[in-house]
Amino acid sequence: MAEQKIDATKLKHIAQLSRIGISDQEAEKYAGQMNSILDYMKILEEVNTEGVEMTLQVTNLKNITRPDFVETTVNPEVLLATSTLPKISGQIAVKAVIKEE
C-alpha cells in the first residue's frame, strides 16, 4: 500500500467539504497533526490481534428499558371542567399570543 500523507491542500479540501473555514497556517498545522495520527495508526496495525475477542464495551452494563404502554390516568372532561375559561369543541379557548403583523 502506497504511503499517503495529508498535505495542507488536502486538508483545506476536507475542511471545505465539512464547511469549516481554516486559514493556510491552520491547514499546515492540522496537516502535521493528522499525519502524526496516521503514523500512530500504522504502529497499531502491527499489533497481533489474532484470537483476541472484539471489545464492544468494558463495563458490562446492559440497556434496561421497559415496554411502552398507553395508560389513561385522567378523564379529559374532568380536566376541562376545572377551567373557568370558555370551552370550544371540547378545548379550552385562550387569547392569541402570537399575532401576525
C-alpha atoms as a PDB file:
ATOM      1  CA  MET A   1       0.000   0.000   0.000  1.00  0.00           C
ATOM      2  CA  ALA A   2       1.411   3.367  -1.010  1.00  0.00           C
ATOM      3  CA  GLU A   3       2.026   5.800   1.815  1.00  0.00           C
ATOM      4  CA  GLN A   4      -0.342   8.723   1.654  1.00  0.00           C
ATOM      5  CA  LYS A   5       0.375  11.901   3.518  1.00  0.00           C
ATOM      6  CA  ILE A   6      -2.137  14.631   4.198  1.00  0.00           C
ATOM      7  CA  ASP A   7      -0.858  17.967   2.949  1.00  0.00           C
ATOM      8  CA  ALA A   8      -2.346  21.409   3.545  1.00  0.00           C
ATOM      9  CA  THR A   9      -4.198  21.306   0.187  1.00  0.00           C
ATOM     10  CA  LYS A  10      -5.947  18.032   1.027  1.00  0.00           C
ATOM     11  CA  LEU A  11      -6.757  19.265   4.499  1.00  0.00           C
ATOM     12  CA  LYS A  12      -8.267  22.506   3.189  1.00  0.00           C
ATOM     13  CA  HIS A  13     -10.385  20.440   0.771  1.00  0.00           C
ATOM     14  CA  ILE A  14     -11.632  18.264   3.633  1.00  0.00           C
ATOM     15  CA  ALA A  15     -12.366  21.394   5.680  1.00  0.00           C
ATOM     16  CA  GLN A  16     -14.296  22.886   2.755  1.00  0.00           C
ATOM     17  CA  LEU A  17     -16.386  19.710   2.411  1.00  0.00           C
ATOM     18  CA  SER A  18     -17.078  19.911   6.140  1.00  0.00           C
ATOM     19  CA  ARG A  19     -17.988  23.599   5.845  1.00  0.00           C
ATOM     20  CA  ILE A  20     -15.145  24.546   8.205  1.00  0.00           C
ATOM     21  CA  GLY A  21     -13.210  27.685   7.419  1.00  0.00           C
ATOM     22  CA  ILE A  22      -9.491  27.407   8.151  1.00  0.00           C
ATOM     23  CA  SER A  23      -6.522  29.560   7.266  1.00  0.00           C
ATOM     24  CA  ASP A  24      -3.435  28.388   5.376  1.00  0.00           C
ATOM     25  CA  GLN A  25      -1.469  28.445   8.637  1.00  0.00           C
ATOM     26  CA  GLU A  26      -4.100  26.290  10.377  1.00  0.00           C
ATOM     27  CA  ALA A  27      -4.128  23.895   7.415  1.00  0.00           C
ATOM     28  CA  GLU A  28      -0.359  23.384   7.738  1.00  0.00           C
ATOM     29  CA  LYS A  29      -0.666  22.824  11.497  1.00  0.00           C
ATOM     30  CA  TYR A  30      -3.586  20.395  11.227  1.00  0.00           C
ATOM     31  CA  ALA A  31      -1.994  18.511   8.322  1.00  0.00           C
ATOM     32  CA  GLY A  32       1.030  17.811  10.539  1.00  0.00           C
ATOM     33  CA  GLN A  33      -1.222  16.645  13.370  1.00  0.00           C
ATOM     34  CA  MET A  34      -3.255  14.446  11.006  1.00  0.00           C
ATOM     35  CA  ASN A  35      -0.075  12.816   9.687  1.00  0.00           C
ATOM     36  CA  SER A  36       1.060  12.114  13.263  1.00  0.00           C
ATOM     37  CA  ILE A  37      -2.252  10.377  13.925  1.00  0.00           C
ATOM     38  CA  LEU A  38      -1.972   8.331  10.725  1.00  0.00           C
ATOM     39  CA  ASP A  39       1.599   7.335  11.628  1.00  0.00           C
ATOM     40  CA  TYR A  40       0.355   6.128  15.020  1.00  0.00           C
ATOM     41  CA  MET A  41      -2.350   4.056  13.307  1.00  0.00           C
ATOM     42  CA  LYS A  42       0.413   2.316  11.300  1.00  0.00           C
ATOM     43  CA  ILE A  43       2.047   1.279  14.582  1.00  0.00           C
ATOM     44  CA  LEU A  44      -1.272  -0.121  15.833  1.00  0.00           C
ATOM     45  CA  GLU A  45      -1.726  -2.111  12.607  1.00  0.00           C
ATOM     46  CA  GLU A  46       1.416  -4.084  13.530  1.00  0.00           C
ATOM     47  CA  VAL A  47      -0.115  -5.417  16.762  1.00  0.00           C
ATOM     48  CA  ASN A  48      -1.104  -9.082  16.508  1.00  0.00           C
ATOM     49  CA  THR A  49      -4.777  -9.280  17.474  1.00  0.00           C
ATOM     50  CA  GLU A  50      -5.420 -12.805  16.222  1.00  0.00           C
ATOM     51  CA  GLY A  51      -7.526 -14.703  18.744  1.00  0.00           C
ATOM     52  CA  VAL A  52      -8.443 -11.562  20.671  1.00  0.00           C
ATOM     53  CA  GLU A  53     -12.172 -11.165  21.093  1.00  0.00           C
ATOM     54  CA  MET A  54     -13.632  -7.846  19.942  1.00  0.00           C
ATOM     55  CA  THR A  55     -14.393  -5.432  22.789  1.00  0.00           C
ATOM     56  CA  LEU A  56     -17.621  -3.534  22.296  1.00  0.00           C
ATOM     57  CA  GLN A  57     -17.753  -2.054  25.782  1.00  0.00           C
ATOM     58  CA  VAL A  58     -15.927  -2.707  29.033  1.00  0.00           C
ATOM     59  CA  THR A  59     -18.463  -2.049  31.793  1.00  0.00           C
ATOM     60  CA  ASN A  60     -20.828  -4.985  31.089  1.00  0.00           C
ATOM     61  CA  LEU A  61     -23.760  -2.621  31.582  1.00  0.00           C
ATOM     62  CA  LYS A  62     -26.972  -3.609  29.859  1.00  0.00           C
ATOM     63  CA  ASN A  63     -29.504  -1.210  28.385  1.00  0.00           C
ATOM     64  CA  ILE A  64     -32.555  -1.572  30.597  1.00  0.00           C
ATOM     65  CA  THR A  65     -35.815  -0.473  29.038  1.00  0.00           C
ATOM     66  CA  ARG A  66     -39.404  -1.020  29.924  1.00  0.00           C
ATOM     67  CA  PRO A  67     -42.098  -1.835  27.411  1.00  0.00           C
ATOM     68  CA  ASP A  68     -44.151   1.136  26.247  1.00  0.00           C
ATOM     69  CA  PHE A  69     -47.839   1.079  27.007  1.00  0.00           C
ATOM     70  CA  VAL A  70     -50.606   3.656  26.887  1.00  0.00           C
ATOM     71  CA  GLU A  71     -52.166   4.464  30.210  1.00  0.00           C
ATOM     72  CA  THR A  72     -55.097   6.817  30.651  1.00  0.00           C
ATOM     73  CA  THR A  73     -54.911   8.397  34.071  1.00  0.00           C
ATOM     74  CA  VAL A  74     -57.317  11.358  33.904  1.00  0.00           C
ATOM     75  CA  ASN A  75     -60.542  11.809  32.030  1.00  0.00           C
ATOM     76  CA  PRO A  76     -60.203  14.836  29.655  1.00  0.00           C
ATOM     77  CA  GLU A  77     -63.722  16.035  30.523  1.00  0.00           C
ATOM     78  CA  VAL A  78     -62.751  16.218  34.185  1.00  0.00           C
ATOM     79  CA  LEU A  79     -59.726  18.350  33.293  1.00  0.00           C
ATOM     80  CA  LEU A  80     -61.806  20.666  31.090  1.00  0.00           C
ATOM     81  CA  ALA A  81     -64.317  21.116  33.900  1.00  0.00           C
ATOM     82  CA  THR A  82     -61.603  22.544  36.183  1.00  0.00           C
ATOM     83  CA  SER A  83     -61.024  25.552  33.906  1.00  0.00           C
ATOM     84  CA  THR A  84     -63.044  28.762  34.171  1.00  0.00           C
ATOM     85  CA  LEU A  85     -62.016  29.745  30.604  1.00  0.00           C
ATOM     86  CA  PRO A  86     -64.523  29.290  27.774  1.00  0.00           C
ATOM     87  CA  LYS A  87     -64.561  25.934  26.009  1.00  0.00           C
ATOM     88  CA  ILE A  88     -64.977  25.434  22.263  1.00  0.00           C
ATOM     89  CA  SER A  89     -65.324  21.977  20.693  1.00  0.00           C
ATOM     90  CA  GLY A  90     -64.001  20.238  23.801  1.00  0.00           C
ATOM     91  CA  GLN A  91     -60.940  22.504  24.050  1.00  0.00           C
ATOM     92  CA  ILE A  92     -60.096  25.464  26.265  1.00  0.00           C
ATOM     93  CA  ALA A  93     -60.132  28.762  24.381  1.00  0.00           C
ATOM     94  CA  VAL A  94     -57.233  31.108  25.180  1.00  0.00           C
ATOM     95  CA  LYS A  95     -56.188  34.521  23.931  1.00  0.00           C
ATOM     96  CA  ALA A  96     -53.874  34.627  20.929  1.00  0.00           C
ATOM     97  CA  VAL A  97     -50.273  35.180  21.960  1.00  0.00           C
ATOM     98  CA  ILE A  98     -48.651  35.448  18.532  1.00  0.00           C
ATOM     99  CA  LYS A  99     -50.168  37.998  16.185  1.00  0.00           C
ATOM    100  CA  GLU A 100     -49.390  38.441  12.520  1.00  0.00           C
ATOM    101  CA  GLU A 101     -48.252  41.943  11.645  1.00  0.00           C
END
